């Protein structure tokens, strides 16, 4: 997508504070962190939201979740935990139309959010 900010980050057109990158995934710190640990994991394949996943994307989604928990542990959240969030469309709070998983930790997080 030409107008997708996350696709521009993937291409390197917009800088990010990368944590991890491979051929399928990119992880980077959130520019507006809501917790001491707050990063995003995104697929490099442009998928607008979780409702647009196809059956062939299941392995990619599994890798995304596994990488998020692995990075959360590496950033100090292994003992006390973290929150893993995928927002979807406007009612779900999604602000960028590219599937992404927020990982937040490093402090107690209340429920319900917001």
N, C-alpha and C. Protein backbone atom coordinates (compact mmCIF):
# COMPACT_ATOMS: atom_id res chain seq x y z
N UNK A 1 0.85 -1.18 0.00
CA UNK A 1 0.00 0.00 0.00
C UNK A 1 0.89 1.24 0.00
N UNK A 2 0.61 2.15 -0.88
CA UNK A 2 1.43 3.35 -1.01
C UNK A 2 1.24 4.34 0.12
N UNK A 3 0.06 4.36 0.74
CA UNK A 3 -0.22 5.34 1.78
C UNK A 3 -0.18 4.75 3.19
N UNK A 4 0.33 3.57 3.36
CA UNK A 4 0.37 2.91 4.67
C UNK A 4 1.66 3.27 5.39
N UNK A 5 1.52 3.87 6.56
CA UNK A 5 2.69 4.30 7.34
C UNK A 5 3.56 3.10 7.75
N UNK A 6 2.94 1.97 8.06
CA UNK A 6 3.73 0.80 8.46
C UNK A 6 4.46 0.21 7.26
N UNK A 7 3.85 0.25 6.08
CA UNK A 7 4.57 -0.21 4.88
C UNK A 7 5.76 0.70 4.61
N UNK A 8 5.61 2.01 4.86
CA UNK A 8 6.73 2.94 4.69
C UNK A 8 7.83 2.66 5.71
N UNK A 9 7.46 2.28 6.93
CA UNK A 9 8.46 1.90 7.94
C UNK A 9 9.18 0.64 7.50
N UNK A 10 8.44 -0.34 6.98
CA UNK A 10 9.04 -1.58 6.50
C UNK A 10 10.06 -1.30 5.40
N UNK A 11 9.72 -0.40 4.47
CA UNK A 11 10.61 -0.06 3.36
C UNK A 11 11.80 0.79 3.80
N UNK A 12 11.74 1.35 5.01
CA UNK A 12 12.81 2.20 5.48
C UNK A 12 12.63 3.66 5.13
N UNK A 13 11.47 4.02 4.57
CA UNK A 13 11.19 5.41 4.21
C UNK A 13 10.91 6.27 5.43
N UNK A 14 10.43 5.65 6.49
CA UNK A 14 10.18 6.33 7.77
C UNK A 14 11.01 5.60 8.81
N UNK A 15 11.79 6.34 9.60
CA UNK A 15 12.63 5.67 10.61
C UNK A 15 11.80 5.10 11.75
N UNK A 16 12.34 4.07 12.37
CA UNK A 16 11.72 3.48 13.55
C UNK A 16 12.84 2.97 14.46
N UNK A 17 12.48 2.75 15.71
CA UNK A 17 13.43 2.16 16.65
C UNK A 17 13.21 0.64 16.64
N UNK A 18 13.85 -0.02 15.68
CA UNK A 18 13.65 -1.45 15.48
C UNK A 18 14.17 -2.26 16.65
N UNK A 19 13.41 -3.31 16.95
CA UNK A 19 13.81 -4.29 17.95
C UNK A 19 14.20 -5.59 17.26
N UNK A 20 13.46 -5.90 16.18
CA UNK A 20 13.66 -7.19 15.50
C UNK A 20 13.18 -7.05 14.06
N UNK A 21 13.85 -7.78 13.16
CA UNK A 21 13.40 -7.84 11.78
C UNK A 21 13.86 -9.14 11.14
N UNK A 22 12.96 -9.74 10.36
CA UNK A 22 13.32 -10.88 9.52
C UNK A 22 12.55 -10.72 8.20
N UNK A 23 12.47 -11.76 7.41
CA UNK A 23 11.83 -11.64 6.10
C UNK A 23 10.32 -11.44 6.17
N UNK A 24 9.69 -11.83 7.29
CA UNK A 24 8.23 -11.75 7.41
C UNK A 24 7.74 -10.73 8.43
N UNK A 25 8.55 -10.39 9.42
CA UNK A 25 8.09 -9.58 10.55
C UNK A 25 9.03 -8.42 10.83
N UNK A 26 8.45 -7.38 11.42
CA UNK A 26 9.22 -6.25 11.93
C UNK A 26 8.65 -5.89 13.29
N UNK A 27 9.53 -5.64 14.26
CA UNK A 27 9.11 -5.19 15.59
C UNK A 27 9.85 -3.90 15.89
N UNK A 28 9.11 -2.93 16.46
CA UNK A 28 9.72 -1.64 16.78
C UNK A 28 8.97 -1.00 17.94
N UNK A 29 9.67 -0.10 18.63
CA UNK A 29 9.09 0.60 19.77
C UNK A 29 7.97 1.54 19.29
N UNK A 30 6.90 1.62 20.07
CA UNK A 30 5.80 2.53 19.77
C UNK A 30 6.27 3.97 19.93
N UNK A 31 5.86 4.86 19.03
CA UNK A 31 6.28 6.26 19.11
C UNK A 31 5.55 7.01 20.22
N UNK A 32 4.45 6.47 20.71
CA UNK A 32 3.69 7.07 21.80
C UNK A 32 3.44 6.01 22.87
N UNK A 33 4.49 5.60 23.59
CA UNK A 33 4.35 4.47 24.51
C UNK A 33 3.36 4.72 25.63
N UNK A 34 2.57 3.69 25.92
CA UNK A 34 1.57 3.74 26.99
C UNK A 34 2.00 2.94 28.21
N UNK A 35 3.21 2.41 28.18
CA UNK A 35 3.78 1.63 29.29
C UNK A 35 5.29 1.66 29.12
N UNK A 36 6.03 1.34 30.18
CA UNK A 36 7.49 1.32 30.06
C UNK A 36 8.00 0.43 28.92
N UNK A 37 7.32 -0.69 28.69
CA UNK A 37 7.59 -1.54 27.53
C UNK A 37 6.37 -1.41 26.62
N UNK A 38 6.57 -0.91 25.41
CA UNK A 38 5.46 -0.81 24.45
C UNK A 38 6.06 -0.87 23.06
N UNK A 39 5.84 -2.00 22.40
CA UNK A 39 6.33 -2.16 21.05
C UNK A 39 5.27 -2.81 20.18
N UNK A 40 5.47 -2.71 18.88
CA UNK A 40 4.57 -3.30 17.90
C UNK A 40 5.30 -4.40 17.15
N UNK A 41 4.57 -5.44 16.80
CA UNK A 41 5.07 -6.46 15.88
C UNK A 41 4.10 -6.45 14.71
N UNK A 42 4.65 -6.32 13.49
CA UNK A 42 3.81 -6.24 12.30
C UNK A 42 4.30 -7.24 11.26
N UNK A 43 3.37 -7.77 10.47
CA UNK A 43 3.81 -8.57 9.33
C UNK A 43 4.27 -7.65 8.22
N UNK A 44 5.26 -8.06 7.46
CA UNK A 44 5.69 -7.27 6.32
C UNK A 44 4.66 -7.34 5.19
N UNK A 45 3.91 -8.42 5.14
CA UNK A 45 2.81 -8.53 4.19
C UNK A 45 1.72 -7.56 4.63
N UNK A 46 1.23 -6.75 3.72
CA UNK A 46 0.17 -5.80 4.08
C UNK A 46 -1.16 -6.54 4.22
N UNK A 47 -1.62 -6.60 5.46
CA UNK A 47 -2.95 -7.13 5.79
C UNK A 47 -3.61 -6.00 6.57
N UNK A 48 -4.73 -5.50 6.11
CA UNK A 48 -5.35 -4.30 6.71
C UNK A 48 -5.72 -4.50 8.18
N UNK A 49 -6.28 -5.66 8.52
CA UNK A 49 -6.70 -5.90 9.90
C UNK A 49 -6.93 -7.39 10.09
N UNK A 50 -7.19 -7.79 11.31
CA UNK A 50 -7.32 -9.22 11.62
C UNK A 50 -8.54 -9.85 10.94
N UNK A 51 -9.55 -9.02 10.61
CA UNK A 51 -10.74 -9.54 9.93
C UNK A 51 -10.44 -9.90 8.47
N UNK A 52 -9.31 -9.46 7.94
CA UNK A 52 -8.95 -9.74 6.56
C UNK A 52 -7.90 -10.83 6.43
N UNK A 53 -7.62 -11.53 7.52
CA UNK A 53 -6.71 -12.68 7.44
C UNK A 53 -7.31 -13.75 6.55
N UNK A 54 -6.45 -14.43 5.84
CA UNK A 54 -6.86 -15.57 5.02
C UNK A 54 -6.31 -16.83 5.67
N UNK A 55 -6.84 -17.99 5.29
CA UNK A 55 -6.41 -19.23 5.92
C UNK A 55 -4.90 -19.43 5.77
N UNK A 56 -4.33 -18.98 4.69
CA UNK A 56 -2.89 -19.11 4.47
C UNK A 56 -2.05 -18.23 5.37
N UNK A 57 -2.68 -17.31 6.10
CA UNK A 57 -1.96 -16.40 7.00
C UNK A 57 -1.81 -16.95 8.42
N UNK A 58 -2.34 -18.14 8.68
CA UNK A 58 -2.34 -18.64 10.06
C UNK A 58 -0.93 -18.85 10.60
N UNK A 59 -0.02 -19.36 9.80
CA UNK A 59 1.36 -19.55 10.26
C UNK A 59 2.03 -18.20 10.54
N UNK A 60 1.75 -17.22 9.69
CA UNK A 60 2.30 -15.87 9.90
C UNK A 60 1.79 -15.27 11.20
N UNK A 61 0.51 -15.42 11.48
CA UNK A 61 -0.05 -14.90 12.73
C UNK A 61 0.55 -15.61 13.93
N UNK A 62 0.76 -16.91 13.82
CA UNK A 62 1.41 -17.66 14.90
C UNK A 62 2.82 -17.16 15.15
N UNK A 63 3.58 -16.91 14.10
CA UNK A 63 4.94 -16.37 14.24
C UNK A 63 4.91 -14.99 14.89
N UNK A 64 3.92 -14.17 14.49
CA UNK A 64 3.79 -12.82 15.05
C UNK A 64 3.57 -12.90 16.56
N UNK A 65 2.67 -13.76 17.00
CA UNK A 65 2.40 -13.92 18.43
C UNK A 65 3.61 -14.47 19.17
N UNK A 66 4.24 -15.46 18.61
CA UNK A 66 5.40 -16.05 19.27
C UNK A 66 6.53 -15.03 19.38
N UNK A 67 6.77 -14.27 18.33
CA UNK A 67 7.84 -13.27 18.37
C UNK A 67 7.51 -12.19 19.41
N UNK A 68 6.26 -11.81 19.54
CA UNK A 68 5.87 -10.81 20.54
C UNK A 68 6.18 -11.29 21.95
N UNK A 69 5.84 -12.54 22.26
CA UNK A 69 6.11 -13.04 23.61
C UNK A 69 7.61 -13.21 23.84
N UNK A 70 8.32 -13.61 22.82
CA UNK A 70 9.78 -13.76 22.93
C UNK A 70 10.45 -12.41 23.19
N UNK A 71 10.03 -11.37 22.47
CA UNK A 71 10.60 -10.04 22.67
C UNK A 71 10.18 -9.45 24.01
N UNK A 72 8.93 -9.70 24.41
CA UNK A 72 8.47 -9.21 25.72
C UNK A 72 9.34 -9.80 26.83
N UNK A 73 9.64 -11.07 26.74
CA UNK A 73 10.51 -11.70 27.74
C UNK A 73 11.90 -11.08 27.72
N UNK A 74 12.44 -10.85 26.53
CA UNK A 74 13.77 -10.26 26.41
C UNK A 74 13.82 -8.83 26.95
N UNK A 75 12.66 -8.14 26.94
CA UNK A 75 12.61 -6.76 27.43
C UNK A 75 12.16 -6.68 28.89
N UNK A 76 12.15 -7.81 29.60
CA UNK A 76 11.93 -7.80 31.04
C UNK A 76 10.53 -8.13 31.51
N UNK A 77 9.68 -8.64 30.65
CA UNK A 77 8.29 -8.92 31.04
C UNK A 77 8.02 -10.39 31.35
N UNK A 78 9.04 -11.22 31.37
CA UNK A 78 8.82 -12.65 31.56
C UNK A 78 8.19 -12.98 32.91
N UNK A 79 8.66 -12.36 33.97
CA UNK A 79 8.18 -12.73 35.31
C UNK A 79 6.81 -12.15 35.64
N UNK A 80 6.56 -10.89 35.27
CA UNK A 80 5.32 -10.24 35.68
C UNK A 80 4.27 -10.20 34.58
N UNK A 81 4.66 -10.52 33.35
CA UNK A 81 3.69 -10.58 32.26
C UNK A 81 3.59 -9.31 31.44
N UNK A 82 2.69 -9.35 30.47
CA UNK A 82 2.49 -8.24 29.54
C UNK A 82 1.09 -8.36 28.95
N UNK A 83 0.69 -7.33 28.24
CA UNK A 83 -0.58 -7.35 27.53
C UNK A 83 -0.28 -7.39 26.03
N UNK A 84 -0.98 -8.26 25.32
CA UNK A 84 -0.82 -8.41 23.88
C UNK A 84 -2.16 -8.04 23.24
N UNK A 85 -2.16 -7.00 22.40
CA UNK A 85 -3.41 -6.43 21.89
C UNK A 85 -3.38 -6.30 20.38
N UNK A 86 -4.44 -6.76 19.73
CA UNK A 86 -4.65 -6.50 18.31
C UNK A 86 -5.98 -5.75 18.19
N UNK A 87 -5.91 -4.47 17.86
CA UNK A 87 -7.11 -3.67 17.63
C UNK A 87 -7.59 -3.91 16.20
N UNK A 88 -8.91 -3.81 15.98
CA UNK A 88 -9.46 -4.08 14.65
C UNK A 88 -10.52 -3.05 14.28
N UNK A 89 -10.27 -2.32 13.24
CA UNK A 89 -11.18 -1.32 12.67
C UNK A 89 -11.49 -0.23 13.69
N UNK A 90 -12.37 0.70 13.32
CA UNK A 90 -12.60 1.89 14.14
C UNK A 90 -13.18 1.57 15.52
N UNK A 91 -14.15 0.68 15.62
CA UNK A 91 -14.74 0.36 16.92
C UNK A 91 -13.74 -0.36 17.82
N UNK A 92 -12.79 -1.05 17.24
CA UNK A 92 -11.77 -1.76 18.02
C UNK A 92 -10.57 -0.89 18.36
N UNK A 93 -10.57 0.37 17.90
CA UNK A 93 -9.49 1.29 18.24
C UNK A 93 -8.30 1.25 17.29
N UNK A 94 -8.44 0.61 16.13
CA UNK A 94 -7.33 0.55 15.18
C UNK A 94 -7.16 1.90 14.51
N UNK A 95 -5.94 2.44 14.55
CA UNK A 95 -5.68 3.75 13.94
C UNK A 95 -4.79 3.67 12.71
N UNK A 96 -4.11 2.55 12.49
CA UNK A 96 -3.32 2.34 11.29
C UNK A 96 -3.85 1.07 10.62
N UNK A 97 -4.23 1.19 9.35
CA UNK A 97 -4.82 0.07 8.62
C UNK A 97 -3.75 -0.88 8.10
N UNK A 98 -3.04 -1.49 9.03
CA UNK A 98 -2.06 -2.54 8.76
C UNK A 98 -2.05 -3.37 10.04
N UNK A 99 -2.32 -4.65 9.91
CA UNK A 99 -2.36 -5.53 11.08
C UNK A 99 -1.12 -5.32 11.95
N UNK A 100 -1.33 -5.12 13.24
CA UNK A 100 -0.21 -4.97 14.16
C UNK A 100 -0.62 -5.40 15.56
N UNK A 101 0.34 -5.92 16.28
CA UNK A 101 0.13 -6.37 17.64
C UNK A 101 0.91 -5.47 18.59
N UNK A 102 0.19 -4.82 19.51
CA UNK A 102 0.83 -4.03 20.56
C UNK A 102 1.23 -4.97 21.70
N UNK A 103 2.42 -4.79 22.22
CA UNK A 103 2.84 -5.49 23.43
C UNK A 103 3.18 -4.43 24.45
N UNK A 104 2.53 -4.50 25.62
CA UNK A 104 2.73 -3.52 26.68
C UNK A 104 3.08 -4.23 27.97
N UNK A 105 4.01 -3.68 28.73
CA UNK A 105 4.39 -4.28 30.00
C UNK A 105 5.26 -3.34 30.78
N UNK A 106 5.78 -3.86 31.86
CA UNK A 106 6.66 -3.07 32.72
C UNK A 106 5.94 -2.32 33.82
N UNK A 107 4.61 -2.49 33.90
CA UNK A 107 3.82 -1.91 34.98
C UNK A 107 2.49 -2.64 35.01
N UNK A 108 1.78 -2.59 36.14
CA UNK A 108 0.44 -3.20 36.18
C UNK A 108 -0.51 -2.46 35.23
N UNK A 109 -1.26 -3.20 34.47
CA UNK A 109 -2.21 -2.62 33.52
C UNK A 109 -3.62 -2.96 33.98
N UNK A 110 -4.46 -1.97 34.09
CA UNK A 110 -5.83 -2.17 34.57
C UNK A 110 -6.75 -2.73 33.51
N UNK A 111 -7.94 -3.15 33.98
CA UNK A 111 -8.97 -3.62 33.06
C UNK A 111 -10.30 -3.09 33.53
N UNK A 112 -11.17 -2.61 32.70
CA UNK A 112 -11.00 -2.54 31.25
C UNK A 112 -10.04 -1.42 30.85
N UNK A 113 -9.44 -1.55 29.67
CA UNK A 113 -8.52 -0.52 29.20
C UNK A 113 -9.26 0.77 28.88
N UNK A 114 -8.52 1.87 28.92
CA UNK A 114 -9.04 3.18 28.49
C UNK A 114 -10.16 3.64 29.31
